[in-house]
Amino acid sequence: MDIQSNEDLLDVIGEDFLWEIIGGYIEHDLAHIKDALRRIGRIDQAAVDTIAWAEVQDSEYFDVSGFHAENGTLRISFEMPALINTKNAAGVWLFRITTFITGTVEVPDIDSFDWNSLDLGDMNRLEILAHKDLAKNIHVVFEDQDTEADDLRA
């Protein structure tokens, strides 16, 4: 790879690298998933409380909507529509969530980390997640007007 600027970096890490890291973060952030579902009044709230597992099954795209560089860090704003499946501790499928997520994440800029040392184009999910420590201060928001859930128990 030949990353020469922060703009080049965003082009490279947005598609797979950040998608995998943010997706992994969302899968483990069950509190935010439950909060998003609690704001949907027509679903079984007792079932929401039993969510113990989540998987980001699909996202049409991961869009870097902007960034700010400061003191060796890029604060990246992003958007991603997502389809998330959930289960309870017994492995029973609970909800399929269709949502639109916005958020921010911070990564080192090109002067603070040698991004060219990673072969980002050929990394699989596990290799990407091995570098999740490069992404800090992840903040996600499930947009209420774009969040729906189907009860998979029906």
N, C-alpha and C. Protein backbone atom coordinates (compact mmCIF):
# COMPACT_ATOMS: atom_id res chain seq x y z
N MET A 1 0.84 -1.18 0.00
CA MET A 1 0.00 0.00 0.00
C MET A 1 0.88 1.23 0.00
N ASP A 2 0.32 2.29 -0.50
CA ASP A 2 1.05 3.54 -0.52
C ASP A 2 0.13 4.66 -0.05
N ILE A 3 -0.07 4.73 1.24
CA ILE A 3 -0.92 5.74 1.84
C ILE A 3 -0.07 6.98 2.07
N GLN A 4 -0.44 8.07 1.40
CA GLN A 4 0.35 9.30 1.46
C GLN A 4 -0.30 10.41 2.28
N SER A 5 -1.61 10.31 2.50
CA SER A 5 -2.32 11.40 3.20
C SER A 5 -3.43 10.80 4.06
N ASN A 6 -3.97 11.62 4.93
CA ASN A 6 -5.09 11.18 5.75
C ASN A 6 -6.31 10.86 4.88
N GLU A 7 -6.48 11.60 3.80
CA GLU A 7 -7.58 11.31 2.88
C GLU A 7 -7.40 9.93 2.25
N ASP A 8 -6.16 9.60 1.84
CA ASP A 8 -5.87 8.25 1.31
C ASP A 8 -6.18 7.19 2.37
N LEU A 9 -5.80 7.47 3.61
CA LEU A 9 -6.04 6.53 4.70
C LEU A 9 -7.53 6.26 4.86
N LEU A 10 -8.34 7.29 4.84
CA LEU A 10 -9.78 7.12 4.99
C LEU A 10 -10.37 6.29 3.86
N ASP A 11 -9.86 6.49 2.65
CA ASP A 11 -10.32 5.68 1.52
C ASP A 11 -10.01 4.21 1.74
N VAL A 12 -8.87 3.91 2.35
CA VAL A 12 -8.43 2.53 2.54
C VAL A 12 -9.12 1.87 3.74
N ILE A 13 -9.21 2.57 4.86
CA ILE A 13 -9.72 1.91 6.08
C ILE A 13 -11.24 1.94 6.20
N GLY A 14 -11.92 2.80 5.46
CA GLY A 14 -13.36 2.92 5.60
C GLY A 14 -14.13 1.69 5.19
N GLU A 15 -13.74 1.08 4.10
CA GLU A 15 -14.55 0.01 3.53
C GLU A 15 -14.55 -1.26 4.36
N ASP A 16 -13.42 -1.80 4.70
CA ASP A 16 -13.37 -3.07 5.43
C ASP A 16 -12.89 -2.91 6.87
N PHE A 17 -11.79 -2.21 7.05
CA PHE A 17 -11.16 -2.12 8.36
C PHE A 17 -12.12 -1.54 9.39
N LEU A 18 -12.64 -0.34 9.15
CA LEU A 18 -13.54 0.28 10.13
C LEU A 18 -14.88 -0.45 10.18
N TRP A 19 -15.37 -0.98 9.06
CA TRP A 19 -16.63 -1.71 9.07
C TRP A 19 -16.52 -2.90 10.03
N GLU A 20 -15.45 -3.65 9.96
CA GLU A 20 -15.27 -4.81 10.84
C GLU A 20 -15.13 -4.39 12.30
N ILE A 21 -14.35 -3.37 12.55
CA ILE A 21 -14.12 -2.93 13.93
C ILE A 21 -15.39 -2.34 14.54
N ILE A 22 -16.07 -1.49 13.80
CA ILE A 22 -17.31 -0.89 14.32
C ILE A 22 -18.38 -1.98 14.45
N GLY A 23 -18.47 -2.87 13.46
CA GLY A 23 -19.42 -3.98 13.55
C GLY A 23 -19.16 -4.83 14.78
N GLY A 24 -17.90 -5.14 15.04
CA GLY A 24 -17.54 -5.91 16.24
C GLY A 24 -17.88 -5.17 17.52
N TYR A 25 -17.67 -3.88 17.51
CA TYR A 25 -18.02 -3.07 18.68
C TYR A 25 -19.52 -3.12 18.93
N ILE A 26 -20.31 -2.96 17.87
CA ILE A 26 -21.77 -2.98 18.01
C ILE A 26 -22.23 -4.33 18.54
N GLU A 27 -21.63 -5.41 18.07
CA GLU A 27 -22.03 -6.75 18.50
C GLU A 27 -21.83 -6.97 20.00
N HIS A 28 -20.87 -6.26 20.58
CA HIS A 28 -20.60 -6.41 22.01
C HIS A 28 -21.23 -5.31 22.86
N ASP A 29 -21.82 -4.33 22.21
CA ASP A 29 -22.44 -3.21 22.92
C ASP A 29 -23.94 -3.48 23.07
N LEU A 30 -24.25 -4.54 23.82
CA LEU A 30 -25.64 -4.97 23.97
C LEU A 30 -26.50 -3.91 24.66
N ALA A 31 -25.91 -3.10 25.51
CA ALA A 31 -26.68 -2.06 26.21
C ALA A 31 -27.27 -1.07 25.21
N HIS A 32 -26.49 -0.65 24.21
CA HIS A 32 -27.01 0.28 23.21
C HIS A 32 -28.07 -0.37 22.33
N ILE A 33 -27.87 -1.64 22.01
CA ILE A 33 -28.86 -2.36 21.21
C ILE A 33 -30.18 -2.43 21.97
N LYS A 34 -30.10 -2.78 23.24
CA LYS A 34 -31.32 -2.86 24.06
C LYS A 34 -31.98 -1.50 24.20
N ASP A 35 -31.20 -0.45 24.40
CA ASP A 35 -31.76 0.90 24.51
C ASP A 35 -32.49 1.29 23.23
N ALA A 36 -31.89 0.97 22.08
CA ALA A 36 -32.54 1.29 20.80
C ALA A 36 -33.86 0.54 20.66
N LEU A 37 -33.88 -0.71 21.09
CA LEU A 37 -35.11 -1.50 20.99
C LEU A 37 -36.17 -1.04 21.99
N ARG A 38 -35.75 -0.57 23.14
CA ARG A 38 -36.72 -0.10 24.14
C ARG A 38 -37.49 1.12 23.65
N ARG A 39 -36.91 1.85 22.72
CA ARG A 39 -37.59 3.03 22.17
C ARG A 39 -38.61 2.66 21.10
N ILE A 40 -38.65 1.36 20.75
CA ILE A 40 -39.67 0.88 19.82
C ILE A 40 -40.79 0.30 20.69
N GLY A 41 -41.93 0.94 20.75
CA GLY A 41 -42.97 0.58 21.69
C GLY A 41 -43.71 -0.71 21.40
N ARG A 42 -43.69 -1.19 20.19
CA ARG A 42 -44.56 -2.30 19.82
C ARG A 42 -43.90 -3.67 19.93
N ILE A 43 -42.75 -3.78 20.53
CA ILE A 43 -42.10 -5.09 20.66
C ILE A 43 -42.11 -5.54 22.12
N ASP A 44 -41.89 -6.83 22.32
CA ASP A 44 -41.91 -7.44 23.64
C ASP A 44 -40.68 -6.97 24.43
N GLN A 45 -40.91 -6.04 25.35
CA GLN A 45 -39.81 -5.45 26.12
C GLN A 45 -39.14 -6.47 27.04
N ALA A 46 -39.88 -7.45 27.50
CA ALA A 46 -39.28 -8.50 28.34
C ALA A 46 -38.26 -9.30 27.52
N ALA A 47 -38.54 -9.54 26.26
CA ALA A 47 -37.60 -10.25 25.39
C ALA A 47 -36.35 -9.41 25.14
N VAL A 48 -36.52 -8.11 25.04
CA VAL A 48 -35.37 -7.21 24.85
C VAL A 48 -34.38 -7.40 25.99
N ASP A 49 -34.88 -7.50 27.21
CA ASP A 49 -34.00 -7.65 28.38
C ASP A 49 -33.18 -8.93 28.35
N THR A 50 -33.61 -9.93 27.58
CA THR A 50 -32.91 -11.22 27.56
C THR A 50 -31.85 -11.32 26.47
N ILE A 51 -31.66 -10.27 25.67
CA ILE A 51 -30.65 -10.31 24.61
C ILE A 51 -29.27 -10.54 25.22
N ALA A 52 -28.60 -11.59 24.74
CA ALA A 52 -27.27 -11.93 25.25
C ALA A 52 -26.23 -12.03 24.13
N TRP A 53 -26.67 -11.89 22.88
CA TRP A 53 -25.78 -12.08 21.74
C TRP A 53 -26.32 -11.26 20.57
N ALA A 54 -25.42 -10.67 19.81
CA ALA A 54 -25.82 -9.92 18.62
C ALA A 54 -24.78 -10.11 17.53
N GLU A 55 -25.25 -10.05 16.30
CA GLU A 55 -24.36 -10.16 15.14
C GLU A 55 -24.80 -9.16 14.09
N VAL A 56 -23.86 -8.34 13.63
CA VAL A 56 -24.13 -7.47 12.50
C VAL A 56 -24.04 -8.36 11.27
N GLN A 57 -25.20 -8.68 10.73
CA GLN A 57 -25.26 -9.62 9.62
C GLN A 57 -24.90 -8.96 8.31
N ASP A 58 -25.30 -7.72 8.15
CA ASP A 58 -25.10 -7.08 6.87
C ASP A 58 -25.08 -5.57 7.07
N SER A 59 -24.34 -4.92 6.22
CA SER A 59 -24.36 -3.48 6.12
C SER A 59 -24.12 -3.15 4.66
N GLU A 60 -25.01 -2.37 4.09
CA GLU A 60 -24.89 -2.06 2.67
C GLU A 60 -23.58 -1.33 2.37
N TYR A 61 -23.16 -0.50 3.28
CA TYR A 61 -21.93 0.27 3.09
C TYR A 61 -21.50 0.85 4.43
N PHE A 62 -20.27 1.28 4.48
CA PHE A 62 -19.76 2.03 5.61
C PHE A 62 -19.27 3.33 5.01
N ASP A 63 -19.89 4.43 5.38
CA ASP A 63 -19.58 5.70 4.76
C ASP A 63 -18.87 6.62 5.75
N VAL A 64 -17.67 7.03 5.40
CA VAL A 64 -16.97 8.05 6.18
C VAL A 64 -17.55 9.38 5.74
N SER A 65 -18.24 10.04 6.66
CA SER A 65 -18.92 11.29 6.31
C SER A 65 -18.09 12.53 6.61
N GLY A 66 -16.97 12.35 7.29
CA GLY A 66 -16.09 13.47 7.57
C GLY A 66 -15.02 13.09 8.57
N PHE A 67 -14.03 13.98 8.73
CA PHE A 67 -12.99 13.72 9.72
C PHE A 67 -12.37 15.03 10.15
N HIS A 68 -11.73 14.96 11.31
CA HIS A 68 -11.00 16.10 11.85
C HIS A 68 -9.66 15.58 12.37
N ALA A 69 -8.58 16.18 11.93
CA ALA A 69 -7.24 15.77 12.37
C ALA A 69 -6.75 16.72 13.46
N GLU A 70 -6.26 16.11 14.56
CA GLU A 70 -5.72 16.92 15.64
C GLU A 70 -4.79 16.09 16.50
N ASN A 71 -3.60 16.60 16.75
CA ASN A 71 -2.62 15.98 17.65
C ASN A 71 -2.37 14.50 17.34
N GLY A 72 -2.21 14.16 16.07
CA GLY A 72 -1.89 12.80 15.69
C GLY A 72 -3.07 11.85 15.62
N THR A 73 -4.27 12.38 15.77
CA THR A 73 -5.47 11.55 15.77
C THR A 73 -6.45 12.04 14.72
N LEU A 74 -7.10 11.09 14.06
CA LEU A 74 -8.21 11.41 13.16
C LEU A 74 -9.51 11.06 13.87
N ARG A 75 -10.36 12.02 14.05
CA ARG A 75 -11.71 11.77 14.58
C ARG A 75 -12.61 11.65 13.36
N ILE A 76 -13.09 10.45 13.13
CA ILE A 76 -13.83 10.12 11.92
C ILE A 76 -15.32 10.03 12.24
N SER A 77 -16.13 10.70 11.45
CA SER A 77 -17.58 10.57 11.53
C SER A 77 -18.00 9.55 10.47
N PHE A 78 -18.97 8.69 10.82
CA PHE A 78 -19.38 7.66 9.87
C PHE A 78 -20.88 7.42 9.94
N GLU A 79 -21.36 6.74 8.90
CA GLU A 79 -22.75 6.30 8.82
C GLU A 79 -22.73 4.87 8.29
N MET A 80 -23.64 4.06 8.80
CA MET A 80 -23.77 2.71 8.26
C MET A 80 -25.16 2.16 8.53
N PRO A 81 -25.87 1.78 7.48
CA PRO A 81 -27.10 1.03 7.71
C PRO A 81 -26.71 -0.38 8.10
N ALA A 82 -27.49 -1.02 8.95
CA ALA A 82 -27.10 -2.36 9.40
C ALA A 82 -28.31 -3.24 9.65
N LEU A 83 -28.10 -4.52 9.47
CA LEU A 83 -29.06 -5.55 9.83
C LEU A 83 -28.40 -6.35 10.94
N ILE A 84 -29.03 -6.39 12.12
CA ILE A 84 -28.46 -7.02 13.30
C ILE A 84 -29.41 -8.10 13.78
N ASN A 85 -28.89 -9.30 13.99
CA ASN A 85 -29.68 -10.38 14.57
C ASN A 85 -29.29 -10.57 16.02
N THR A 86 -30.27 -10.92 16.86
CA THR A 86 -30.00 -11.11 18.29
C THR A 86 -30.53 -12.45 18.76
N LYS A 87 -29.91 -12.97 19.83
CA LYS A 87 -30.34 -14.21 20.49
C LYS A 87 -30.31 -13.98 21.99
N ASN A 88 -31.01 -14.87 22.70
CA ASN A 88 -30.90 -14.88 24.16
C ASN A 88 -29.81 -15.88 24.56
N ALA A 89 -29.60 -16.05 25.85
CA ALA A 89 -28.53 -16.92 26.34
C ALA A 89 -28.75 -18.38 25.98
N ALA A 90 -29.99 -18.77 25.75
CA ALA A 90 -30.30 -20.16 25.36
C ALA A 90 -30.13 -20.39 23.86
N GLY A 91 -29.77 -19.34 23.12
CA GLY A 91 -29.57 -19.47 21.68
C GLY A 91 -30.82 -19.31 20.85
N VAL A 92 -31.89 -18.83 21.47
CA VAL A 92 -33.14 -18.60 20.75
C VAL A 92 -33.06 -17.25 20.03
N TRP A 93 -33.36 -17.27 18.72
CA TRP A 93 -33.37 -16.03 17.95
C TRP A 93 -34.47 -15.12 18.48
N LEU A 94 -34.15 -13.85 18.70
CA LEU A 94 -35.12 -12.91 19.25
C LEU A 94 -35.58 -11.88 18.22
N PHE A 95 -34.65 -11.03 17.77
CA PHE A 95 -35.02 -9.92 16.90
C PHE A 95 -34.06 -9.80 15.71
N ARG A 96 -34.62 -9.35 14.60
CA ARG A 96 -33.82 -8.89 13.46
C ARG A 96 -34.04 -7.38 13.41
N ILE A 97 -32.98 -6.65 13.63
CA ILE A 97 -33.05 -5.19 13.73
C ILE A 97 -32.54 -4.59 12.43
N THR A 98 -33.32 -3.73 11.85
CA THR A 98 -32.90 -2.94 10.70
C THR A 98 -32.71 -1.53 11.21
N THR A 99 -31.52 -0.98 11.02
CA THR A 99 -31.24 0.32 11.62
C THR A 99 -30.25 1.12 10.77
N PHE A 100 -30.14 2.37 11.11
CA PHE A 100 -29.15 3.27 10.52
C PHE A 100 -28.34 3.81 11.68
N ILE A 101 -27.04 3.60 11.62
CA ILE A 101 -26.15 3.97 12.72
C ILE A 101 -25.25 5.11 12.27
N THR A 102 -25.11 6.10 13.13
CA THR A 102 -24.13 7.15 12.93
C THR A 102 -23.17 7.10 14.11
N GLY A 103 -22.00 7.69 13.94
CA GLY A 103 -21.08 7.69 15.06
C GLY A 103 -19.75 8.30 14.74
N THR A 104 -18.85 8.14 15.69
CA THR A 104 -17.48 8.62 15.55
C THR A 104 -16.51 7.58 16.09
N VAL A 105 -15.31 7.63 15.57
CA VAL A 105 -14.22 6.77 16.02
C VAL A 105 -12.92 7.54 15.82
N GLU A 106 -11.95 7.27 16.65
CA GLU A 106 -10.64 7.91 16.51
C GLU A 106 -9.59 6.87 16.17
N VAL A 107 -8.73 7.22 15.21
CA VAL A 107 -7.61 6.37 14.82
C VAL A 107 -6.37 7.25 14.69
N PRO A 108 -5.19 6.65 14.78
CA PRO A 108 -3.97 7.45 14.57
C PRO A 108 -3.92 7.95 13.13
N ASP A 109 -3.39 9.16 12.95
CA ASP A 109 -3.23 9.67 11.59
C ASP A 109 -2.00 9.04 10.94
N ILE A 110 -1.71 9.40 9.71
CA ILE A 110 -0.60 8.75 8.99
C ILE A 110 0.76 9.09 9.57
N ASP A 111 0.85 10.19 10.33
CA ASP A 111 2.13 10.54 10.95
C ASP A 111 2.34 9.86 12.30
N SER A 112 1.27 9.29 12.88
CA SER A 112 1.35 8.68 14.20
C SER A 112 1.41 7.16 14.17
N PHE A 113 1.09 6.57 13.02
CA PHE A 113 1.14 5.13 12.88
C PHE A 113 1.49 4.80 11.44
N ASP A 114 2.30 3.76 11.25
CA ASP A 114 2.70 3.35 9.90
C ASP A 114 1.63 2.45 9.30
N TRP A 115 0.58 3.06 8.77
CA TRP A 115 -0.51 2.32 8.17
C TRP A 115 -0.05 1.49 6.97
N ASN A 116 1.02 1.92 6.32
CA ASN A 116 1.54 1.16 5.17
C ASN A 116 2.14 -0.18 5.60
N SER A 117 2.40 -0.36 6.89
CA SER A 117 2.95 -1.63 7.36
C SER A 117 1.88 -2.73 7.43
N LEU A 118 0.62 -2.35 7.36
CA LEU A 118 -0.47 -3.33 7.37
C LEU A 118 -0.92 -3.58 5.94
N ASP A 119 -1.16 -4.82 5.61
CA ASP A 119 -1.68 -5.16 4.29
C ASP A 119 -3.20 -5.18 4.37
N LEU A 120 -3.79 -4.00 4.48
CA LEU A 120 -5.22 -3.87 4.75
C LEU A 120 -6.09 -4.50 3.67
N GLY A 121 -5.62 -4.51 2.44
CA GLY A 121 -6.41 -5.08 1.35
C GLY A 121 -6.55 -6.58 1.42
N ASP A 122 -5.61 -7.27 2.08
CA ASP A 122 -5.64 -8.73 2.14
C ASP A 122 -5.95 -9.29 3.52
N MET A 123 -6.34 -8.43 4.47
CA MET A 123 -6.62 -8.89 5.83
C MET A 123 -8.02 -9.48 5.92
N ASN A 124 -8.14 -10.61 6.63
CA ASN A 124 -9.47 -11.17 6.89
C ASN A 124 -10.00 -10.55 8.19
N ARG A 125 -11.22 -10.95 8.55
CA ARG A 125 -11.87 -10.36 9.72
C ARG A 125 -11.04 -10.52 11.00
N LEU A 126 -10.52 -11.70 11.23
CA LEU A 126 -9.74 -11.93 12.45
C LEU A 126 -8.46 -11.10 12.47
N GLU A 127 -7.82 -10.95 11.32
CA GLU A 127 -6.61 -10.13 11.25
C GLU A 127 -6.94 -8.66 11.50
N ILE A 128 -8.07 -8.22 10.95
CA ILE A 128 -8.49 -6.83 11.19
C ILE A 128 -8.78 -6.62 12.68
N LEU A 129 -9.55 -7.54 13.26
CA LEU A 129 -9.92 -7.38 14.67
C LEU A 129 -8.72 -7.48 15.61
N ALA A 130 -7.64 -8.10 15.15
CA ALA A 130 -6.41 -8.13 15.94
C ALA A 130 -5.81 -6.72 16.08
N HIS A 131 -6.25 -5.81 15.24
CA HIS A 131 -5.76 -4.42 15.28
C HIS A 131 -6.84 -3.45 15.76
N LYS A 132 -7.86 -3.98 16.44
CA LYS A 132 -8.95 -3.11 16.89
C LYS A 132 -8.48 -2.06 17.90
N ASP A 133 -7.32 -2.28 18.51
CA ASP A 133 -6.79 -1.30 19.46
C ASP A 133 -6.43 0.02 18.76
N LEU A 134 -6.35 0.02 17.44
CA LEU A 134 -6.08 1.26 16.71
C LEU A 134 -7.29 2.18 16.70
N ALA A 135 -8.46 1.63 16.94
CA ALA A 135 -9.70 2.42 16.96
C ALA A 135 -10.07 2.71 18.41
N LYS A 136 -10.18 3.95 18.75
CA LYS A 136 -10.46 4.37 20.13
C LYS A 136 -11.70 5.26 20.16
N ASN A 137 -12.25 5.39 21.35
CA ASN A 137 -13.36 6.32 21.59
C ASN A 137 -14.49 6.14 20.58
N ILE A 138 -14.91 4.90 20.41
CA ILE A 138 -15.99 4.61 19.49
C ILE A 138 -17.31 5.04 20.13
N HIS A 139 -18.08 5.76 19.37
CA HIS A 139 -19.40 6.20 19.82
C HIS A 139 -20.39 5.93 18.70
N VAL A 140 -21.46 5.20 19.01
CA VAL A 140 -22.48 4.90 18.00
C VAL A 140 -23.84 5.37 18.47
N VAL A 141 -24.66 5.74 17.50
CA VAL A 141 -26.03 6.17 17.76
C VAL A 141 -26.94 5.41 16.80
N PHE A 142 -27.92 4.71 17.36
CA PHE A 142 -28.95 4.07 16.55
C PHE A 142 -30.01 5.15 16.28
N GLU A 143 -30.16 5.54 15.04
CA GLU A 143 -31.10 6.60 14.70
C GLU A 143 -32.53 6.08 14.88
N ASP A 144 -33.27 6.68 15.82
CA ASP A 144 -34.61 6.20 16.20
C ASP A 144 -35.56 6.07 15.01
N GLN A 145 -35.60 7.10 14.16
CA GLN A 145 -36.56 7.07 13.06
C GLN A 145 -36.23 6.01 12.03
N ASP A 146 -35.03 5.47 12.07
CA ASP A 146 -34.60 4.45 11.11
C ASP A 146 -34.36 3.09 11.75
N THR A 147 -34.86 2.87 12.95
CA THR A 147 -34.65 1.61 13.65
C THR A 147 -35.98 0.85 13.78
N GLU A 148 -35.98 -0.35 13.23
CA GLU A 148 -37.15 -1.22 13.29
C GLU A 148 -36.68 -2.60 13.74
N ALA A 149 -37.61 -3.39 14.28
CA ALA A 149 -37.25 -4.74 14.70
C ALA A 149 -38.38 -5.70 14.38
N ASP A 150 -37.99 -6.87 13.88
CA ASP A 150 -38.91 -7.97 13.65
C ASP A 150 -38.68 -9.01 14.72
N ASP A 151 -39.75 -9.49 15.33
CA ASP A 151 -39.66 -10.53 16.35
C ASP A 151 -39.49 -11.86 15.64
N LEU A 152 -38.37 -12.53 15.82
CA LEU A 152 -38.07 -13.78 15.14
C LEU A 152 -38.69 -14.99 15.83
N ARG A 153 -39.33 -14.77 16.96
CA ARG A 153 -39.96 -15.88 17.68
C ARG A 153 -41.36 -16.17 17.15
N ALA A 154 -41.89 -15.29 16.34
CA ALA A 154 -43.26 -15.46 15.86
C ALA A 154 -43.35 -16.47 14.73
